Amino acid sequence: GAGDPDPFAGVIGDSPPLLKAKATARRLAGVDVPVLLTGPTGTGKEVFARAIHGASPAARGPFVAVNCGALARDLLASELFGYGEGAFTGARRGGMPGKFEAADGGTLFLDEIGEMPLELQAHLLRVLEQASVVRVGEVRERPVRVRLVAATHRDLAADVTAGRFRGDLYFRIAVTSIDLPPLGGRGADIARLACHFAAAAAHRHGLVRRQPSDEVLDVLTCHDWPGNVRELRNVIEQATILTLGDRIDL
């Protein structure tokens, strides 16, 4: 309602490429279609995914994130879809719901979806098409209503051509896509983010708030940032912790 905090307030910056991405994300948030976030690693895809969730009709539901590149394929299947009792050695009594069930009525964020093994892609497509999930080792279908936001740093269209990613799944998850710009091309946003991260790090660690000097901001703005926003955040956090003076200097 009116006066509610803006879900996109956490997406900091007003460089043209970022404003374009933000405007697209705002428009898509209110429509129940899958969204694919693309762009280099470290550009803040989960921040965008959370903002889309927060601005969507599913905002009152859960936001559940899964990194598809961080788990072995067997683990990823039971993590996403859950498992039934006795599905494998060490399985919990009564089974276990997966992330799809956990996200029911909300948003499921699948990060690094390009790393998902092909056989799991087929399973994922079936869940999306039928709006129901079957736990590993079970046959019962459980209805789930989930808004899907996926993210990748890969060129999925090229992966489809090369046979590394299913074309039918690609067209299902990339109904709309938003390209997040690398930090190096975002100009004045770099200084704004640096000041924001310095304040946040000081708050988090209970330290005196110290802002970067103008000289530091100039150097940061000219740097290339291969690790993007994540790299900048880590650099500023380290500087905040180690600085003894009244500001962060070179």
C-alpha atoms as a PDB file:
ATOM      1  CA  GLY A   1       0.000   0.000   0.000  1.00  0.00           C
ATOM      2  CA  ALA A   2       0.939   3.694   0.042  1.00  0.00           C
ATOM      3  CA  GLY A   3       3.908   4.453   2.277  1.00  0.00           C
ATOM      4  CA  ASP A   4       5.269   0.899   2.060  1.00  0.00           C
ATOM      5  CA  PRO A   5       9.020   0.781   1.482  1.00  0.00           C
ATOM      6  CA  ASP A   6       9.969   0.401  -2.184  1.00  0.00           C
ATOM      7  CA  PRO A   7      11.127  -3.200  -2.794  1.00  0.00           C
ATOM      8  CA  PHE A   8      13.626  -1.797  -5.329  1.00  0.00           C
ATOM      9  CA  ALA A   9      15.251   0.565  -2.786  1.00  0.00           C
ATOM     10  CA  GLY A  10      17.979  -2.053  -2.271  1.00  0.00           C
ATOM     11  CA  VAL A  11      18.963  -1.841  -5.960  1.00  0.00           C
ATOM     12  CA  ILE A  12      21.320   1.128  -5.667  1.00  0.00           C
ATOM     13  CA  GLY A  13      22.355   3.309  -8.593  1.00  0.00           C
ATOM     14  CA  ASP A  14      20.934   5.421 -11.384  1.00  0.00           C
ATOM     15  CA  SER A  15      23.256   4.777 -14.329  1.00  0.00           C
ATOM     16  CA  PRO A  16      21.241   4.367 -17.584  1.00  0.00           C
ATOM     17  CA  PRO A  17      21.808   0.574 -17.929  1.00  0.00           C
ATOM     18  CA  LEU A  18      20.753  -0.020 -14.326  1.00  0.00           C
ATOM     19  CA  LEU A  19      17.691   2.239 -14.605  1.00  0.00           C
ATOM     20  CA  LYS A  20      16.664   0.320 -17.720  1.00  0.00           C
ATOM     21  CA  ALA A  21      16.996  -3.030 -15.908  1.00  0.00           C
ATOM     22  CA  LYS A  22      15.090  -1.666 -12.894  1.00  0.00           C
ATOM     23  CA  ALA A  23      12.247  -0.290 -15.024  1.00  0.00           C
ATOM     24  CA  THR A  24      11.852  -3.636 -16.814  1.00  0.00           C
ATOM     25  CA  ALA A  25      11.929  -5.528 -13.497  1.00  0.00           C
ATOM     26  CA  ARG A  26       9.247  -3.258 -12.001  1.00  0.00           C
ATOM     27  CA  ARG A  27       6.968  -3.856 -14.993  1.00  0.00           C
ATOM     28  CA  LEU A  28       7.480  -7.611 -14.870  1.00  0.00           C
ATOM     29  CA  ALA A  29       7.057  -7.897 -11.090  1.00  0.00           C
ATOM     30  CA  GLY A  30       3.289  -7.433 -11.296  1.00  0.00           C
ATOM     31  CA  VAL A  31       2.796 -10.057 -14.016  1.00  0.00           C
ATOM     32  CA  ASP A  32       3.004 -13.750 -13.207  1.00  0.00           C
ATOM     33  CA  VAL A  33       5.558 -14.812 -15.826  1.00  0.00           C
ATOM     34  CA  PRO A  34       8.950 -16.453 -15.336  1.00  0.00           C
ATOM     35  CA  VAL A  35      11.867 -14.007 -15.440  1.00  0.00           C
ATOM     36  CA  LEU A  36      15.449 -14.812 -16.449  1.00  0.00           C
ATOM     37  CA  LEU A  37      18.161 -12.544 -15.045  1.00  0.00           C
ATOM     38  CA  THR A  38      21.334 -12.536 -17.127  1.00  0.00           C
ATOM     39  CA  GLY A  39      24.706 -10.827 -16.795  1.00  0.00           C
ATOM     40  CA  PRO A  40      28.170 -11.451 -15.372  1.00  0.00           C
ATOM     41  CA  THR A  41      28.621 -13.051 -11.971  1.00  0.00           C
ATOM     42  CA  GLY A  42      28.530 -10.653  -9.005  1.00  0.00           C
ATOM     43  CA  THR A  43      26.115  -8.158 -10.592  1.00  0.00           C
ATOM     44  CA  GLY A  44      23.443  -8.573  -7.902  1.00  0.00           C
ATOM     45  CA  LYS A  45      20.981 -11.023  -9.448  1.00  0.00           C
ATOM     46  CA  GLU A  46      19.627 -12.185  -6.088  1.00  0.00           C
ATOM     47  CA  VAL A  47      19.080  -8.550  -5.012  1.00  0.00           C
ATOM     48  CA  PHE A  48      17.012  -8.075  -8.191  1.00  0.00           C
ATOM     49  CA  ALA A  49      15.156 -11.362  -7.654  1.00  0.00           C
ATOM     50  CA  ARG A  50      14.198 -10.331  -4.091  1.00  0.00           C
ATOM     51  CA  ALA A  51      13.029  -6.921  -5.353  1.00  0.00           C
ATOM     52  CA  ILE A  52      10.864  -8.556  -8.050  1.00  0.00           C
ATOM     53  CA  HIS A  53       9.388 -10.836  -5.370  1.00  0.00           C
ATOM     54  CA  GLY A  54       8.774  -7.889  -3.039  1.00  0.00           C
ATOM     55  CA  ALA A  55       6.973  -5.908  -5.749  1.00  0.00           C
ATOM     56  CA  SER A  56       4.885  -8.881  -6.914  1.00  0.00           C
ATOM     57  CA  PRO A  57       1.458 -10.187  -5.831  1.00  0.00           C
ATOM     58  CA  ALA A  58       3.395 -13.115  -4.248  1.00  0.00           C
ATOM     59  CA  ALA A  59       5.253 -10.745  -1.883  1.00  0.00           C
ATOM     60  CA  ARG A  60       3.475 -12.113   1.196  1.00  0.00           C
ATOM     61  CA  GLY A  61       4.593 -15.630   0.279  1.00  0.00           C
ATOM     62  CA  PRO A  62       8.085 -17.063   0.853  1.00  0.00           C
ATOM     63  CA  PHE A  63      11.203 -16.214  -1.171  1.00  0.00           C
ATOM     64  CA  VAL A  64      13.346 -19.344  -1.569  1.00  0.00           C
ATOM     65  CA  ALA A  65      16.769 -19.331  -3.269  1.00  0.00           C
ATOM     66  CA  VAL A  66      18.670 -22.348  -4.647  1.00  0.00           C
ATOM     67  CA  ASN A  67      22.101 -22.248  -6.296  1.00  0.00           C
ATOM     68  CA  CYS A  68      21.967 -24.931  -8.995  1.00  0.00           C
ATOM     69  CA  GLY A  69      25.752 -24.846  -9.436  1.00  0.00           C
ATOM     70  CA  ALA A  70      26.568 -25.503  -5.770  1.00  0.00           C
ATOM     71  CA  LEU A  71      25.063 -28.993  -5.357  1.00  0.00           C
ATOM     72  CA  ALA A  72      25.801 -32.455  -6.769  1.00  0.00           C
ATOM     73  CA  ARG A  73      23.059 -33.628  -9.128  1.00  0.00           C
ATOM     74  CA  ASP A  74      21.546 -36.184  -6.707  1.00  0.00           C
ATOM     75  CA  LEU A  75      21.421 -33.606  -3.940  1.00  0.00           C
ATOM     76  CA  LEU A  76      19.991 -30.979  -6.267  1.00  0.00           C
ATOM     77  CA  ALA A  77      17.083 -33.256  -7.244  1.00  0.00           C
ATOM     78  CA  SER A  78      16.030 -33.957  -3.634  1.00  0.00           C
ATOM     79  CA  GLU A  79      16.735 -30.309  -2.685  1.00  0.00           C
ATOM     80  CA  LEU A  80      14.403 -28.995  -5.408  1.00  0.00           C
ATOM     81  CA  PHE A  81      11.719 -31.652  -5.535  1.00  0.00           C
ATOM     82  CA  GLY A  82      11.935 -33.228  -2.066  1.00  0.00           C
ATOM     83  CA  TYR A  83      12.035 -36.957  -1.388  1.00  0.00           C
ATOM     84  CA  GLY A  84       9.756 -39.670  -0.058  1.00  0.00           C
ATOM     85  CA  GLU A  85      10.349 -41.932   2.936  1.00  0.00           C
ATOM     86  CA  GLY A  86      12.987 -44.571   2.166  1.00  0.00           C
ATOM     87  CA  ALA A  87      13.966 -42.859  -1.123  1.00  0.00           C
ATOM     88  CA  PHE A  88      17.643 -43.462  -0.254  1.00  0.00           C
ATOM     89  CA  THR A  89      19.892 -44.520   2.641  1.00  0.00           C
ATOM     90  CA  GLY A  90      19.719 -41.902   5.374  1.00  0.00           C
ATOM     91  CA  ALA A  91      16.420 -40.473   4.103  1.00  0.00           C
ATOM     92  CA  ARG A  92      14.330 -38.866   6.829  1.00  0.00           C
ATOM     93  CA  ARG A  93      11.258 -40.691   8.166  1.00  0.00           C
ATOM     94  CA  GLY A  94       8.200 -39.370   6.393  1.00  0.00           C
ATOM     95  CA  GLY A  95      10.381 -37.868   3.651  1.00  0.00           C
ATOM     96  CA  MET A  96      11.199 -34.224   3.160  1.00  0.00           C
ATOM     97  CA  PRO A  97       9.611 -31.384   1.181  1.00  0.00           C
ATOM     98  CA  GLY A  98      11.818 -29.723  -1.432  1.00  0.00           C
ATOM     99  CA  LYS A  99      12.346 -26.073  -2.279  1.00  0.00           C
ATOM    100  CA  PHE A 100       9.389 -26.031  -4.707  1.00  0.00           C
ATOM    101  CA  GLU A 101       7.031 -26.952  -1.881  1.00  0.00           C
ATOM    102  CA  ALA A 102       8.802 -24.497   0.448  1.00  0.00           C
ATOM    103  CA  ALA A 103       8.229 -21.706  -2.102  1.00  0.00           C
ATOM    104  CA  ASP A 104       4.527 -22.522  -2.621  1.00  0.00           C
ATOM    105  CA  GLY A 105       2.578 -19.263  -2.846  1.00  0.00           C
ATOM    106  CA  GLY A 106       5.799 -17.275  -3.247  1.00  0.00           C
ATOM    107  CA  THR A 107       8.897 -17.023  -5.431  1.00  0.00           C
ATOM    108  CA  LEU A 108      11.553 -19.640  -6.203  1.00  0.00           C
ATOM    109  CA  PHE A 109      14.905 -18.154  -7.268  1.00  0.00           C
ATOM    110  CA  LEU A 110      17.065 -20.630  -9.223  1.00  0.00           C
ATOM    111  CA  ASP A 111      20.550 -19.130  -9.405  1.00  0.00           C
ATOM    112  CA  GLU A 112      23.087 -20.452 -11.947  1.00  0.00           C
ATOM    113  CA  ILE A 113      20.362 -22.399 -13.740  1.00  0.00           C
ATOM    114  CA  GLY A 114      22.781 -22.968 -16.644  1.00  0.00           C
ATOM    115  CA  GLU A 115      24.703 -25.401 -14.415  1.00  0.00           C
ATOM    116  CA  MET A 116      21.674 -27.685 -13.975  1.00  0.00           C
ATOM    117  CA  PRO A 117      22.259 -31.208 -15.405  1.00  0.00           C
ATOM    118  CA  LEU A 118      20.188 -32.060 -18.508  1.00  0.00           C
ATOM    119  CA  GLU A 119      18.151 -34.867 -16.886  1.00  0.00           C
ATOM    120  CA  LEU A 120      17.094 -32.514 -14.062  1.00  0.00           C
ATOM    121  CA  GLN A 121      16.128 -29.887 -16.638  1.00  0.00           C
ATOM    122  CA  ALA A 122      13.503 -32.317 -17.996  1.00  0.00           C
ATOM    123  CA  HIS A 123      12.153 -32.824 -14.471  1.00  0.00           C
ATOM    124  CA  LEU A 124      12.061 -29.069 -13.833  1.00  0.00           C
ATOM    125  CA  LEU A 125      10.194 -28.435 -17.085  1.00  0.00           C
ATOM    126  CA  ARG A 126       7.550 -30.992 -16.095  1.00  0.00           C
ATOM    127  CA  VAL A 127       7.047 -29.320 -12.698  1.00  0.00           C
ATOM    128  CA  LEU A 128       6.651 -25.901 -14.351  1.00  0.00           C
ATOM    129  CA  GLU A 129       4.227 -27.161 -17.010  1.00  0.00           C
ATOM    130  CA  GLN A 130       2.060 -29.162 -14.616  1.00  0.00           C
ATOM    131  CA  ALA A 131       2.309 -26.823 -11.594  1.00  0.00           C
ATOM    132  CA  SER A 132       2.846 -29.897  -9.429  1.00  0.00           C
ATOM    133  CA  VAL A 133       5.859 -31.669  -7.988  1.00  0.00           C
ATOM    134  CA  VAL A 134       6.577 -35.363  -7.432  1.00  0.00           C
ATOM    135  CA  ARG A 135       9.092 -36.047  -4.657  1.00  0.00           C
ATOM    136  CA  VAL A 136      12.053 -38.319  -5.453  1.00  0.00           C
ATOM    137  CA  GLY A 137      10.971 -41.921  -4.762  1.00  0.00           C
ATOM    138  CA  GLU A 138       7.223 -41.095  -4.783  1.00  0.00           C
ATOM    139  CA  VAL A 139       4.481 -41.075  -7.421  1.00  0.00           C
ATOM    140  CA  ARG A 140       2.008 -38.692  -5.760  1.00  0.00           C
ATOM    141  CA  GLU A 141       1.704 -35.281  -7.380  1.00  0.00           C
ATOM    142  CA  ARG A 142       1.626 -32.302  -5.036  1.00  0.00           C
ATOM    143  CA  PRO A 143       0.248 -29.041  -6.497  1.00  0.00           C
ATOM    144  CA  VAL A 144       2.567 -26.027  -6.175  1.00  0.00           C
ATOM    145  CA  ARG A 145       2.007 -22.400  -7.174  1.00  0.00           C
ATOM    146  CA  VAL A 146       5.400 -20.775  -7.559  1.00  0.00           C
ATOM    147  CA  ARG A 147       6.675 -17.659  -9.311  1.00  0.00           C
ATOM    148  CA  LEU A 148       9.987 -18.598 -10.961  1.00  0.00           C
ATOM    149  CA  VAL A 149      12.936 -16.231 -11.243  1.00  0.00           C
ATOM    150  CA  ALA A 150      16.057 -17.830 -12.725  1.00  0.00           C
ATOM    151  CA  ALA A 151      19.545 -16.397 -13.183  1.00  0.00           C
ATOM    152  CA  THR A 152      22.649 -17.233 -15.185  1.00  0.00           C
ATOM    153  CA  HIS A 153      25.964 -15.710 -16.225  1.00  0.00           C
ATOM    154  CA  ARG A 154      26.040 -18.065 -19.236  1.00  0.00           C
ATOM    155  CA  ASP A 155      24.748 -17.455 -22.753  1.00  0.00           C
ATOM    156  CA  LEU A 156      21.855 -19.928 -22.514  1.00  0.00           C
ATOM    157  CA  ALA A 157      20.790 -19.455 -26.150  1.00  0.00           C
ATOM    158  CA  ALA A 158      24.292 -20.579 -27.204  1.00  0.00           C
ATOM    159  CA  ASP A 159      24.091 -23.480 -24.723  1.00  0.00           C
ATOM    160  CA  VAL A 160      20.793 -24.544 -26.343  1.00  0.00           C
ATOM    161  CA  THR A 161      22.454 -24.552 -29.783  1.00  0.00           C
ATOM    162  CA  ALA A 162      25.365 -26.580 -28.370  1.00  0.00           C
ATOM    163  CA  GLY A 163      22.979 -29.104 -26.756  1.00  0.00           C
ATOM    164  CA  ARG A 164      24.018 -28.212 -23.195  1.00  0.00           C
ATOM    165  CA  PHE A 165      20.640 -26.728 -22.238  1.00  0.00           C
ATOM    166  CA  ARG A 166      17.146 -27.844 -23.213  1.00  0.00           C
ATOM    167  CA  GLY A 167      15.490 -25.514 -25.724  1.00  0.00           C
ATOM    168  CA  ASP A 168      11.974 -26.187 -24.392  1.00  0.00           C
ATOM    169  CA  LEU A 169      13.056 -25.289 -20.838  1.00  0.00           C
ATOM    170  CA  TYR A 170      14.893 -22.184 -22.076  1.00  0.00           C
ATOM    171  CA  PHE A 171      11.745 -20.861 -23.766  1.00  0.00           C
ATOM    172  CA  ARG A 172       9.733 -21.674 -20.619  1.00  0.00           C
ATOM    173  CA  ILE A 173      12.006 -19.786 -18.184  1.00  0.00           C
ATOM    174  CA  ALA A 174      13.049 -16.923 -20.469  1.00  0.00           C
ATOM    175  CA  VAL A 175       9.550 -15.652 -21.271  1.00  0.00           C
ATOM    176  CA  THR A 176      11.084 -12.322 -20.250  1.00  0.00           C
ATOM    177  CA  SER A 177      14.733 -11.606 -19.526  1.00  0.00           C
ATOM    178  CA  ILE A 178      16.586  -8.739 -17.869  1.00  0.00           C
ATOM    179  CA  ASP A 179      20.277  -8.150 -18.505  1.00  0.00           C
ATOM    180  CA  LEU A 180      22.139  -6.799 -15.469  1.00  0.00           C
ATOM    181  CA  PRO A 181      25.042  -4.504 -16.414  1.00  0.00           C
ATOM    182  CA  PRO A 182      28.634  -5.100 -15.262  1.00  0.00           C
ATOM    183  CA  LEU A 183      29.762  -2.648 -12.579  1.00  0.00           C
ATOM    184  CA  GLY A 184      32.574  -1.216 -14.729  1.00  0.00           C
ATOM    185  CA  GLY A 185      30.035   0.354 -17.097  1.00  0.00           C
ATOM    186  CA  ARG A 186      27.959   2.004 -14.364  1.00  0.00           C
ATOM    187  CA  GLY A 187      29.950   5.247 -13.806  1.00  0.00           C
ATOM    188  CA  ALA A 188      28.808   7.262 -10.778  1.00  0.00           C
ATOM    189  CA  ASP A 189      26.994   4.225  -9.334  1.00  0.00           C
ATOM    190  CA  ILE A 190      30.392   2.902  -8.185  1.00  0.00           C
ATOM    191  CA  ALA A 191      30.917   5.804  -5.748  1.00  0.00           C
ATOM    192  CA  ARG A 192      27.315   5.577  -4.496  1.00  0.00           C
ATOM    193  CA  LEU A 193      27.670   1.839  -3.877  1.00  0.00           C
ATOM    194  CA  ALA A 194      31.050   2.292  -2.161  1.00  0.00           C
ATOM    195  CA  CYS A 195      29.549   4.797   0.315  1.00  0.00           C
ATOM    196  CA  HIS A 196      26.519   2.551   0.873  1.00  0.00           C
ATOM    197  CA  PHE A 197      28.713  -0.519   1.511  1.00  0.00           C
ATOM    198  CA  ALA A 198      31.002   1.433   3.885  1.00  0.00           C
ATOM    199  CA  ALA A 199      28.005   2.493   5.995  1.00  0.00           C
ATOM    200  CA  ALA A 200      26.512  -1.019   5.918  1.00  0.00           C
ATOM    201  CA  ALA A 201      29.810  -2.689   6.895  1.00  0.00           C
ATOM    202  CA  ALA A 202      30.356  -0.257   9.793  1.00  0.00           C
ATOM    203  CA  HIS A 203      26.828  -0.945  11.023  1.00  0.00           C
ATOM    204  CA  ARG A 204      27.211  -4.724  10.664  1.00  0.00           C
ATOM    205  CA  HIS A 205      30.521  -4.849  12.588  1.00  0.00           C
ATOM    206  CA  GLY A 206      29.631  -2.192  15.164  1.00  0.00           C
ATOM    207  CA  LEU A 207      32.362   0.171  13.931  1.00  0.00           C
ATOM    208  CA  VAL A 208      32.530   3.952  13.597  1.00  0.00           C
ATOM    209  CA  ARG A 209      31.085   5.016  10.246  1.00  0.00           C
ATOM    210  CA  ARG A 210      33.881   6.088   7.877  1.00  0.00           C
ATOM    211  CA  GLN A 211      33.284   7.221   4.316  1.00  0.00           C
ATOM    212  CA  PRO A 212      35.787   6.777   1.450  1.00  0.00           C
ATOM    213  CA  SER A 213      37.762   9.913   0.528  1.00  0.00           C
ATOM    214  CA  ASP A 214      37.168  11.629  -2.850  1.00  0.00           C
ATOM    215  CA  GLU A 215      40.550  10.322  -3.987  1.00  0.00           C
ATOM    216  CA  VAL A 216      39.496   6.743  -3.152  1.00  0.00           C
ATOM    217  CA  LEU A 217      36.169   7.195  -4.956  1.00  0.00           C
ATOM    218  CA  ASP A 218      38.011   8.414  -8.089  1.00  0.00           C
ATOM    219  CA  VAL A 219      40.270   5.346  -8.074  1.00  0.00           C
ATOM    220  CA  LEU A 220      37.332   2.985  -7.479  1.00  0.00           C
ATOM    221  CA  THR A 221      35.364   4.589 -10.330  1.00  0.00           C
ATOM    222  CA  CYS A 222      38.254   4.038 -12.779  1.00  0.00           C
ATOM    223  CA  HIS A 223      38.790   0.387 -11.777  1.00  0.00           C
ATOM    224  CA  ASP A 224      37.457  -2.392 -14.017  1.00  0.00           C
ATOM    225  CA  TRP A 225      35.799  -4.594 -11.303  1.00  0.00           C
ATOM    226  CA  PRO A 226      35.908  -8.072 -12.886  1.00  0.00           C
ATOM    227  CA  GLY A 227      34.030  -9.409  -9.817  1.00  0.00           C
ATOM    228  CA  ASN A 228      31.435  -6.638 -10.150  1.00  0.00           C
ATOM    229  CA  VAL A 229      29.297  -5.470  -7.199  1.00  0.00           C
ATOM    230  CA  ARG A 230      30.342  -8.452  -5.054  1.00  0.00           C
ATOM    231  CA  GLU A 231      34.027  -7.560  -5.481  1.00  0.00           C
ATOM    232  CA  LEU A 232      33.423  -3.885  -4.615  1.00  0.00           C
ATOM    233  CA  ARG A 233      31.459  -4.859  -1.511  1.00  0.00           C
ATOM    234  CA  ASN A 234      34.290  -7.125  -0.295  1.00  0.00           C
ATOM    235  CA  VAL A 235      36.965  -4.470  -0.928  1.00  0.00           C
ATOM    236  CA  ILE A 236      34.974  -1.838   0.990  1.00  0.00           C
ATOM    237  CA  GLU A 237      34.201  -4.220   3.850  1.00  0.00           C
ATOM    238  CA  GLN A 238      37.897  -5.023   4.262  1.00  0.00           C
ATOM    239  CA  ALA A 239      38.811  -1.319   4.106  1.00  0.00           C
ATOM    240  CA  THR A 240      36.118  -0.446   6.665  1.00  0.00           C
ATOM    241  CA  ILE A 241      37.427  -3.029   9.130  1.00  0.00           C
ATOM    242  CA  LEU A 242      41.134  -2.107   8.693  1.00  0.00           C
ATOM    243  CA  THR A 243      40.831   1.706   8.575  1.00  0.00           C
ATOM    244  CA  LEU A 244      42.042   3.487  11.696  1.00  0.00           C
ATOM    245  CA  GLY A 245      41.703   7.089  10.474  1.00  0.00           C
ATOM    246  CA  ASP A 246      38.470   9.079  10.275  1.00  0.00           C
ATOM    247  CA  ARG A 247      37.941   8.170   6.628  1.00  0.00           C
ATOM    248  CA  ILE A 248      38.884   5.415   4.188  1.00  0.00           C
ATOM    249  CA  ASP A 249      41.895   6.733   2.263  1.00  0.00           C
ATOM    250  CA  LEU A 250      44.164   5.300  -0.393  1.00  0.00           C
END
